[in-house]
Amino acid sequence: IKWGPIRFSRWVKASLEPIVGSESEVMVRFKRFRIGFLRIPAPKSAMSELDTTYLDSNLRISRGGKGNIMILLKDDLPVYGV
């Protein structure tokens, strides 16, 4: 996120649990949010579902419970151009 000349990093920590009976859906339980130096614990109600449409060893493309598209990379991969 950029605010004037200042850039803020942001990330979300969450756990993914398979939904029984589905081959492509997982339940997401958010644990923590971070924007810059601010760390916010997620409330217990912060959860949603992801339906995965593409998956390989480094990348997951999913649609969230509200229809938004998410592109997730493994956190140990180098990120260029961000």
PDB file of N, CA and C in Angstrom:
ATOM      1  N   ILE A   1       0.859  -1.166   0.000  1.00  0.00           N
ATOM      2  CA  ILE A   1       0.000   0.000   0.000  1.00  0.00           C
ATOM      3  C   ILE A   1       0.902   1.225   0.000  1.00  0.00           C
ATOM      4  N   LYS A   2       0.550   2.217  -0.790  1.00  0.00           N
ATOM      5  CA  LYS A   2       1.326   3.440  -0.841  1.00  0.00           C
ATOM      6  C   LYS A   2       0.448   4.603  -0.387  1.00  0.00           C
ATOM      7  N   TRP A   3       0.960   5.396   0.555  1.00  0.00           N
ATOM      8  CA  TRP A   3       0.266   6.575   1.051  1.00  0.00           C
ATOM      9  C   TRP A   3       1.230   7.738   0.922  1.00  0.00           C
ATOM     10  N   GLY A   4       1.050   8.557  -0.119  1.00  0.00           N
ATOM     11  CA  GLY A   4       2.017   9.600  -0.428  1.00  0.00           C
ATOM     12  C   GLY A   4       3.351   8.951  -0.755  1.00  0.00           C
ATOM     13  N   PRO A   5       4.444   9.439  -0.175  1.00  0.00           N
ATOM     14  CA  PRO A   5       5.751   8.838  -0.454  1.00  0.00           C
ATOM     15  C   PRO A   5       6.043   7.601   0.403  1.00  0.00           C
ATOM     16  N   ILE A   6       5.144   7.243   1.298  1.00  0.00           N
ATOM     17  CA  ILE A   6       5.386   6.138   2.233  1.00  0.00           C
ATOM     18  C   ILE A   6       4.731   4.856   1.719  1.00  0.00           C
ATOM     19  N   ARG A   7       5.500   3.763   1.750  1.00  0.00           N
ATOM     20  CA  ARG A   7       4.973   2.446   1.373  1.00  0.00           C
ATOM     21  C   ARG A   7       4.797   1.598   2.622  1.00  0.00           C
ATOM     22  N   PHE A   8       3.690   0.876   2.694  1.00  0.00           N
ATOM     23  CA  PHE A   8       3.406  -0.018   3.802  1.00  0.00           C
ATOM     24  C   PHE A   8       3.324  -1.452   3.279  1.00  0.00           C
ATOM     25  N   SER A   9       4.036  -2.363   3.928  1.00  0.00           N
ATOM     26  CA  SER A   9       3.854  -3.772   3.582  1.00  0.00           C
ATOM     27  C   SER A   9       2.561  -4.251   4.240  1.00  0.00           C
ATOM     28  N   ARG A  10       2.007  -5.318   3.723  1.00  0.00           N
ATOM     29  CA  ARG A  10       0.792  -5.869   4.304  1.00  0.00           C
ATOM     30  C   ARG A  10       0.793  -7.376   4.087  1.00  0.00           C
ATOM     31  N   TRP A  11       0.251  -8.109   5.041  1.00  0.00           N
ATOM     32  CA  TRP A  11       0.110  -9.544   4.909  1.00  0.00           C
ATOM     33  C   TRP A  11      -0.970 -10.058   5.838  1.00  0.00           C
ATOM     34  N   VAL A  12      -1.372 -11.295   5.570  1.00  0.00           N
ATOM     35  CA  VAL A  12      -2.389 -11.973   6.363  1.00  0.00           C
ATOM     36  C   VAL A  12      -1.843 -13.345   6.727  1.00  0.00           C
ATOM     37  N   LYS A  13      -2.020 -13.741   7.973  1.00  0.00           N
ATOM     38  CA  LYS A  13      -1.669 -15.098   8.385  1.00  0.00           C
ATOM     39  C   LYS A  13      -2.969 -15.847   8.606  1.00  0.00           C
ATOM     40  N   ALA A  14      -3.074 -17.047   8.017  1.00  0.00           N
ATOM     41  CA  ALA A  14      -4.309 -17.822   8.114  1.00  0.00           C
ATOM     42  C   ALA A  14      -3.985 -19.310   8.022  1.00  0.00           C
ATOM     43  N   SER A  15      -4.914 -20.124   8.451  1.00  0.00           N
ATOM     44  CA  SER A  15      -4.794 -21.568   8.261  1.00  0.00           C
ATOM     45  C   SER A  15      -5.874 -22.014   7.276  1.00  0.00           C
ATOM     46  N   LEU A  16      -5.558 -23.033   6.497  1.00  0.00           N
ATOM     47  CA  LEU A  16      -6.490 -23.583   5.514  1.00  0.00           C
ATOM     48  C   LEU A  16      -6.823 -25.015   5.911  1.00  0.00           C
ATOM     49  N   GLU A  17      -8.110 -25.330   5.947  1.00  0.00           N
ATOM     50  CA  GLU A  17      -8.556 -26.676   6.292  1.00  0.00           C
ATOM     51  C   GLU A  17      -9.475 -27.180   5.185  1.00  0.00           C
ATOM     52  N   PRO A  18      -9.246 -28.398   4.682  1.00  0.00           N
ATOM     53  CA  PRO A  18     -10.110 -28.937   3.622  1.00  0.00           C
ATOM     54  C   PRO A  18     -11.564 -29.038   4.084  1.00  0.00           C
ATOM     55  N   ILE A  19     -12.478 -28.788   3.179  1.00  0.00           N
ATOM     56  CA  ILE A  19     -13.906 -28.967   3.452  1.00  0.00           C
ATOM     57  C   ILE A  19     -14.266 -30.387   3.043  1.00  0.00           C
ATOM     58  N   VAL A  20     -14.807 -31.138   3.985  1.00  0.00           N
ATOM     59  CA  VAL A  20     -15.144 -32.541   3.747  1.00  0.00           C
ATOM     60  C   VAL A  20     -16.125 -32.648   2.582  1.00  0.00           C
ATOM     61  N   GLY A  21     -15.827 -33.544   1.640  1.00  0.00           N
ATOM     62  CA  GLY A  21     -16.697 -33.769   0.493  1.00  0.00           C
ATOM     63  C   GLY A  21     -16.380 -32.896  -0.711  1.00  0.00           C
ATOM     64  N   SER A  22     -15.397 -31.997  -0.597  1.00  0.00           N
ATOM     65  CA  SER A  22     -15.036 -31.133  -1.717  1.00  0.00           C
ATOM     66  C   SER A  22     -13.574 -31.367  -2.099  1.00  0.00           C
ATOM     67  N   GLU A  23     -13.307 -31.414  -3.383  1.00  0.00           N
ATOM     68  CA  GLU A  23     -11.932 -31.579  -3.857  1.00  0.00           C
ATOM     69  C   GLU A  23     -11.217 -30.254  -4.063  1.00  0.00           C
ATOM     70  N   SER A  24     -11.960 -29.144  -4.092  1.00  0.00           N
ATOM     71  CA  SER A  24     -11.330 -27.866  -4.419  1.00  0.00           C
ATOM     72  C   SER A  24     -11.559 -26.764  -3.385  1.00  0.00           C
ATOM     73  N   GLU A  25     -12.357 -27.021  -2.354  1.00  0.00           N
ATOM     74  CA  GLU A  25     -12.678 -25.959  -1.392  1.00  0.00           C
ATOM     75  C   GLU A  25     -11.984 -26.179  -0.046  1.00  0.00           C
ATOM     76  N   VAL A  26     -11.572 -25.059   0.555  1.00  0.00           N
ATOM     77  CA  VAL A  26     -10.983 -25.078   1.895  1.00  0.00           C
ATOM     78  C   VAL A  26     -11.639 -23.985   2.737  1.00  0.00           C
ATOM     79  N   MET A  27     -11.652 -24.197   4.057  1.00  0.00           N
ATOM     80  CA  MET A  27     -12.102 -23.186   5.005  1.00  0.00           C
ATOM     81  C   MET A  27     -10.869 -22.403   5.429  1.00  0.00           C
ATOM     82  N   VAL A  28     -10.958 -21.078   5.388  1.00  0.00           N
ATOM     83  CA  VAL A  28      -9.856 -20.204   5.768  1.00  0.00           C
ATOM     84  C   VAL A  28     -10.181 -19.603   7.131  1.00  0.00           C
ATOM     85  N   ARG A  29      -9.284 -19.794   8.079  1.00  0.00           N
ATOM     86  CA  ARG A  29      -9.427 -19.186   9.412  1.00  0.00           C
ATOM     87  C   ARG A  29      -8.286 -18.182   9.567  1.00  0.00           C
ATOM     88  N   PHE A  30      -8.664 -16.899   9.521  1.00  0.00           N
ATOM     89  CA  PHE A  30      -7.655 -15.841   9.621  1.00  0.00           C
ATOM     90  C   PHE A  30      -7.141 -15.758  11.054  1.00  0.00           C
ATOM     91  N   LYS A  31      -5.828 -15.555  11.182  1.00  0.00           N
ATOM     92  CA  LYS A  31      -5.200 -15.492  12.507  1.00  0.00           C
ATOM     93  C   LYS A  31      -4.675 -14.105  12.828  1.00  0.00           C
ATOM     94  N   ARG A  32      -4.089 -13.428  11.822  1.00  0.00           N
ATOM     95  CA  ARG A  32      -3.484 -12.125  12.075  1.00  0.00           C
ATOM     96  C   ARG A  32      -3.417 -11.327  10.783  1.00  0.00           C
ATOM     97  N   PHE A  33      -3.590 -10.008  10.911  1.00  0.00           N
ATOM     98  CA  PHE A  33      -3.458  -9.076   9.797  1.00  0.00           C
ATOM     99  C   PHE A  33      -2.319  -8.118  10.137  1.00  0.00           C
ATOM    100  N   ARG A  34      -1.624  -7.659   9.110  1.00  0.00           N
ATOM    101  CA  ARG A  34      -0.550  -6.694   9.336  1.00  0.00           C
ATOM    102  C   ARG A  34      -0.539  -5.668   8.211  1.00  0.00           C
ATOM    103  N   ILE A  35      -0.450  -4.398   8.604  1.00  0.00           N
ATOM    104  CA  ILE A  35      -0.266  -3.285   7.661  1.00  0.00           C
ATOM    105  C   ILE A  35       0.867  -2.448   8.235  1.00  0.00           C
ATOM    106  N   GLY A  36       2.005  -2.430   7.529  1.00  0.00           N
ATOM    107  CA  GLY A  36       3.168  -1.726   8.045  1.00  0.00           C
ATOM    108  C   GLY A  36       3.585  -2.312   9.376  1.00  0.00           C
ATOM    109  N   PHE A  37       3.733  -1.481  10.381  1.00  0.00           N
ATOM    110  CA  PHE A  37       4.130  -1.935  11.712  1.00  0.00           C
ATOM    111  C   PHE A  37       2.940  -2.389  12.564  1.00  0.00           C
ATOM    112  N   LEU A  38       1.722  -2.147  12.107  1.00  0.00           N
ATOM    113  CA  LEU A  38       0.521  -2.450  12.871  1.00  0.00           C
ATOM    114  C   LEU A  38       0.129  -3.916  12.691  1.00  0.00           C
ATOM    115  N   ARG A  39       0.092  -4.670  13.785  1.00  0.00           N
ATOM    116  CA  ARG A  39      -0.327  -6.072  13.764  1.00  0.00           C
ATOM    117  C   ARG A  39      -1.652  -6.197  14.498  1.00  0.00           C
ATOM    118  N   ILE A  40      -2.620  -6.819  13.833  1.00  0.00           N
ATOM    119  CA  ILE A  40      -3.970  -6.913  14.384  1.00  0.00           C
ATOM    120  C   ILE A  40      -4.368  -8.378  14.468  1.00  0.00           C
ATOM    121  N   PRO A  41      -4.663  -8.900  15.669  1.00  0.00           N
ATOM    122  CA  PRO A  41      -5.146 -10.275  15.753  1.00  0.00           C
ATOM    123  C   PRO A  41      -6.547 -10.368  15.143  1.00  0.00           C
ATOM    124  N   ALA A  42      -6.790 -11.440  14.426  1.00  0.00           N
ATOM    125  CA  ALA A  42      -8.101 -11.625  13.797  1.00  0.00           C
ATOM    126  C   ALA A  42      -9.107 -12.128  14.827  1.00  0.00           C
ATOM    127  N   PRO A  43     -10.345 -11.653  14.765  1.00  0.00           N
ATOM    128  CA  PRO A  43     -11.372 -12.207  15.656  1.00  0.00           C
ATOM    129  C   PRO A  43     -11.694 -13.644  15.254  1.00  0.00           C
ATOM    130  N   LYS A  44     -12.238 -14.417  16.177  1.00  0.00           N
ATOM    131  CA  LYS A  44     -12.564 -15.824  15.889  1.00  0.00           C
ATOM    132  C   LYS A  44     -13.564 -15.956  14.745  1.00  0.00           C
ATOM    133  N   SER A  45     -14.370 -14.914  14.508  1.00  0.00           N
ATOM    134  CA  SER A  45     -15.369 -14.957  13.434  1.00  0.00           C
ATOM    135  C   SER A  45     -14.769 -14.679  12.052  1.00  0.00           C
ATOM    136  N   ALA A  46     -13.474 -14.346  11.987  1.00  0.00           N
ATOM    137  CA  ALA A  46     -12.830 -14.019  10.705  1.00  0.00           C
ATOM    138  C   ALA A  46     -12.492 -15.302   9.957  1.00  0.00           C
ATOM    139  N   MET A  47     -13.446 -15.775   9.172  1.00  0.00           N
ATOM    140  CA  MET A  47     -13.236 -16.977   8.368  1.00  0.00           C
ATOM    141  C   MET A  47     -14.047 -16.884   7.091  1.00  0.00           C
ATOM    142  N   SER A  48     -13.626 -17.659   6.109  1.00  0.00           N
ATOM    143  CA  SER A  48     -14.304 -17.675   4.825  1.00  0.00           C
ATOM    144  C   SER A  48     -13.959 -18.981   4.123  1.00  0.00           C
ATOM    145  N   GLU A  49     -14.437 -19.145   2.903  1.00  0.00           N
ATOM    146  CA  GLU A  49     -14.123 -20.315   2.094  1.00  0.00           C
ATOM    147  C   GLU A  49     -13.361 -19.878   0.857  1.00  0.00           C
ATOM    148  N   LEU A  50     -12.495 -20.760   0.368  1.00  0.00           N
ATOM    149  CA  LEU A  50     -11.793 -20.557  -0.896  1.00  0.00           C
ATOM    150  C   LEU A  50     -12.077 -21.738  -1.800  1.00  0.00           C
ATOM    151  N   ASP A  51     -12.411 -21.469  -3.044  1.00  0.00           N
ATOM    152  CA  ASP A  51     -12.573 -22.510  -4.056  1.00  0.00           C
ATOM    153  C   ASP A  51     -11.386 -22.389  -4.996  1.00  0.00           C
ATOM    154  N   THR A  52     -10.500 -23.379  -4.972  1.00  0.00           N
ATOM    155  CA  THR A  52      -9.270 -23.330  -5.746  1.00  0.00           C
ATOM    156  C   THR A  52      -9.530 -23.737  -7.192  1.00  0.00           C
ATOM    157  N   THR A  53      -9.119 -22.867  -8.123  1.00  0.00           N
ATOM    158  CA  THR A  53      -9.290 -23.150  -9.546  1.00  0.00           C
ATOM    159  C   THR A  53      -7.980 -23.542 -10.217  1.00  0.00           C
ATOM    160  N   TYR A  54      -6.834 -23.191  -9.594  1.00  0.00           N
ATOM    161  CA  TYR A  54      -5.526 -23.590 -10.118  1.00  0.00           C
ATOM    162  C   TYR A  54      -4.588 -23.800  -8.936  1.00  0.00           C
ATOM    163  N   LEU A  55      -3.773 -24.860  -9.019  1.00  0.00           N
ATOM    164  CA  LEU A  55      -2.843 -25.151  -7.943  1.00  0.00           C
ATOM    165  C   LEU A  55      -1.615 -25.850  -8.504  1.00  0.00           C
ATOM    166  N   ASP A  56      -0.424 -25.345  -8.149  1.00  0.00           N
ATOM    167  CA  ASP A  56       0.809 -26.075  -8.416  1.00  0.00           C
ATOM    168  C   ASP A  56       1.691 -25.961  -7.178  1.00  0.00           C
ATOM    169  N   SER A  57       2.955 -26.327  -7.274  1.00  0.00           N
ATOM    170  CA  SER A  57       3.804 -26.370  -6.081  1.00  0.00           C
ATOM    171  C   SER A  57       4.126 -24.988  -5.507  1.00  0.00           C
ATOM    172  N   ASN A  58       3.920 -23.905  -6.265  1.00  0.00           N
ATOM    173  CA  ASN A  58       4.250 -22.561  -5.800  1.00  0.00           C
ATOM    174  C   ASN A  58       3.087 -21.579  -5.811  1.00  0.00           C
ATOM    175  N   LEU A  59       2.005 -21.892  -6.504  1.00  0.00           N
ATOM    176  CA  LEU A  59       0.946 -20.928  -6.770  1.00  0.00           C
ATOM    177  C   LEU A  59      -0.429 -21.548  -6.556  1.00  0.00           C
ATOM    178  N   ARG A  60      -1.333 -20.752  -5.980  1.00  0.00           N
ATOM    179  CA  ARG A  60      -2.736 -21.156  -5.836  1.00  0.00           C
ATOM    180  C   ARG A  60      -3.593 -19.981  -6.299  1.00  0.00           C
ATOM    181  N   ILE A  61      -4.536 -20.231  -7.199  1.00  0.00           N
ATOM    182  CA  ILE A  61      -5.503 -19.218  -7.625  1.00  0.00           C
ATOM    183  C   ILE A  61      -6.866 -19.684  -7.147  1.00  0.00           C
ATOM    184  N   SER A  62      -7.527 -18.846  -6.368  1.00  0.00           N
ATOM    185  CA  SER A  62      -8.791 -19.226  -5.743  1.00  0.00           C
ATOM    186  C   SER A  62      -9.801 -18.100  -5.815  1.00  0.00           C
ATOM    187  N   ARG A  63     -11.068 -18.467  -5.637  1.00  0.00           N
ATOM    188  CA  ARG A  63     -12.148 -17.493  -5.528  1.00  0.00           C
ATOM    189  C   ARG A  63     -12.655 -17.545  -4.091  1.00  0.00           C
ATOM    190  N   GLY A  64     -12.745 -16.366  -3.466  1.00  0.00           N
ATOM    191  CA  GLY A  64     -13.165 -16.276  -2.072  1.00  0.00           C
ATOM    192  C   GLY A  64     -14.660 -16.392  -1.903  1.00  0.00           C
ATOM    193  N   GLY A  65     -15.094 -16.457  -0.653  1.00  0.00           N
ATOM    194  CA  GLY A  65     -16.501 -16.611  -0.322  1.00  0.00           C
ATOM    195  C   GLY A  65     -17.380 -15.476  -0.818  1.00  0.00           C
ATOM    196  N   LYS A  66     -16.797 -14.289  -1.075  1.00  0.00           N
ATOM    197  CA  LYS A  66     -17.559 -13.149  -1.597  1.00  0.00           C
ATOM    198  C   LYS A  66     -17.318 -12.929  -3.083  1.00  0.00           C
ATOM    199  N   GLY A  67     -16.662 -13.912  -3.744  1.00  0.00           N
ATOM    200  CA  GLY A  67     -16.460 -13.834  -5.184  1.00  0.00           C
ATOM    201  C   GLY A  67     -15.161 -13.196  -5.631  1.00  0.00           C
ATOM    202  N   ASN A  68     -14.339 -12.705  -4.687  1.00  0.00           N
ATOM    203  CA  ASN A  68     -13.081 -12.078  -5.085  1.00  0.00           C
ATOM    204  C   ASN A  68     -12.035 -13.136  -5.440  1.00  0.00           C
ATOM    205  N   ILE A  69     -11.144 -12.789  -6.354  1.00  0.00           N
ATOM    206  CA  ILE A  69     -10.104 -13.705  -6.800  1.00  0.00           C
ATOM    207  C   ILE A  69      -8.831 -13.431  -6.021  1.00  0.00           C
ATOM    208  N   MET A  70      -8.192 -14.522  -5.538  1.00  0.00           N
ATOM    209  CA  MET A  70      -6.954 -14.407  -4.776  1.00  0.00           C
ATOM    210  C   MET A  70      -5.864 -15.217  -5.440  1.00  0.00           C
ATOM    211  N   ILE A  71      -4.695 -14.613  -5.529  1.00  0.00           N
ATOM    212  CA  ILE A  71      -3.523 -15.291  -6.059  1.00  0.00           C
ATOM    213  C   ILE A  71      -2.536 -15.404  -4.908  1.00  0.00           C
ATOM    214  N   LEU A  72      -2.250 -16.627  -4.489  1.00  0.00           N
ATOM    215  CA  LEU A  72      -1.410 -16.876  -3.325  1.00  0.00           C
ATOM    216  C   LEU A  72      -0.111 -17.549  -3.748  1.00  0.00           C
ATOM    217  N   LEU A  73       1.013 -17.003  -3.268  1.00  0.00           N
ATOM    218  CA  LEU A  73       2.331 -17.579  -3.516  1.00  0.00           C
ATOM    219  C   LEU A  73       2.872 -18.152  -2.229  1.00  0.00           C
ATOM    220  N   LYS A  74       3.682 -19.205  -2.329  1.00  0.00           N
ATOM    221  CA  LYS A  74       4.370 -19.707  -1.143  1.00  0.00           C
ATOM    222  C   LYS A  74       5.206 -18.591  -0.549  1.00  0.00           C
ATOM    223  N   ASP A  75       5.261 -18.515   0.762  1.00  0.00           N
ATOM    224  CA  ASP A  75       5.955 -17.391   1.387  1.00  0.00           C
ATOM    225  C   ASP A  75       7.468 -17.509   1.364  1.00  0.00           C
ATOM    226  N   ASP A  76       8.030 -18.634   0.958  1.00  0.00           N
ATOM    227  CA  ASP A  76       9.483 -18.754   0.893  1.00  0.00           C
ATOM    228  C   ASP A  76      10.036 -18.508  -0.513  1.00  0.00           C
ATOM    229  N   LEU A  77       9.182 -18.049  -1.433  1.00  0.00           N
ATOM    230  CA  LEU A  77       9.625 -17.751  -2.792  1.00  0.00           C
ATOM    231  C   LEU A  77      10.050 -16.289  -2.898  1.00  0.00           C
ATOM    232  N   PRO A  78      11.069 -15.986  -3.717  1.00  0.00           N
ATOM    233  CA  PRO A  78      11.414 -14.574  -3.923  1.00  0.00           C
ATOM    234  C   PRO A  78      10.310 -13.879  -4.720  1.00  0.00           C
ATOM    235  N   VAL A  79      10.025 -12.639  -4.380  1.00  0.00           N
ATOM    236  CA  VAL A  79       8.990 -11.852  -5.064  1.00  0.00           C
ATOM    237  C   VAL A  79       9.684 -10.701  -5.775  1.00  0.00           C
ATOM    238  N   TYR A  80       9.453 -10.566  -7.073  1.00  0.00           N
ATOM    239  CA  TYR A  80      10.080  -9.529  -7.879  1.00  0.00           C
ATOM    240  C   TYR A  80       9.058  -8.506  -8.333  1.00  0.00           C
ATOM    241  N   GLY A  81       9.457  -7.243  -8.355  1.00  0.00           N
ATOM    242  CA  GLY A  81       8.605  -6.187  -8.899  1.00  0.00           C
ATOM    243  C   GLY A  81       7.468  -5.770  -8.006  1.00  0.00           C
ATOM    244  N   VAL A  82       7.536  -6.083  -6.724  1.00  0.00           N
ATOM    245  CA  VAL A  82       6.457  -5.701  -5.799  1.00  0.00           C
ATOM    246  C   VAL A  82       6.906  -4.532  -4.968  1.00  0.00           C
TER     247      VAL A  82
END
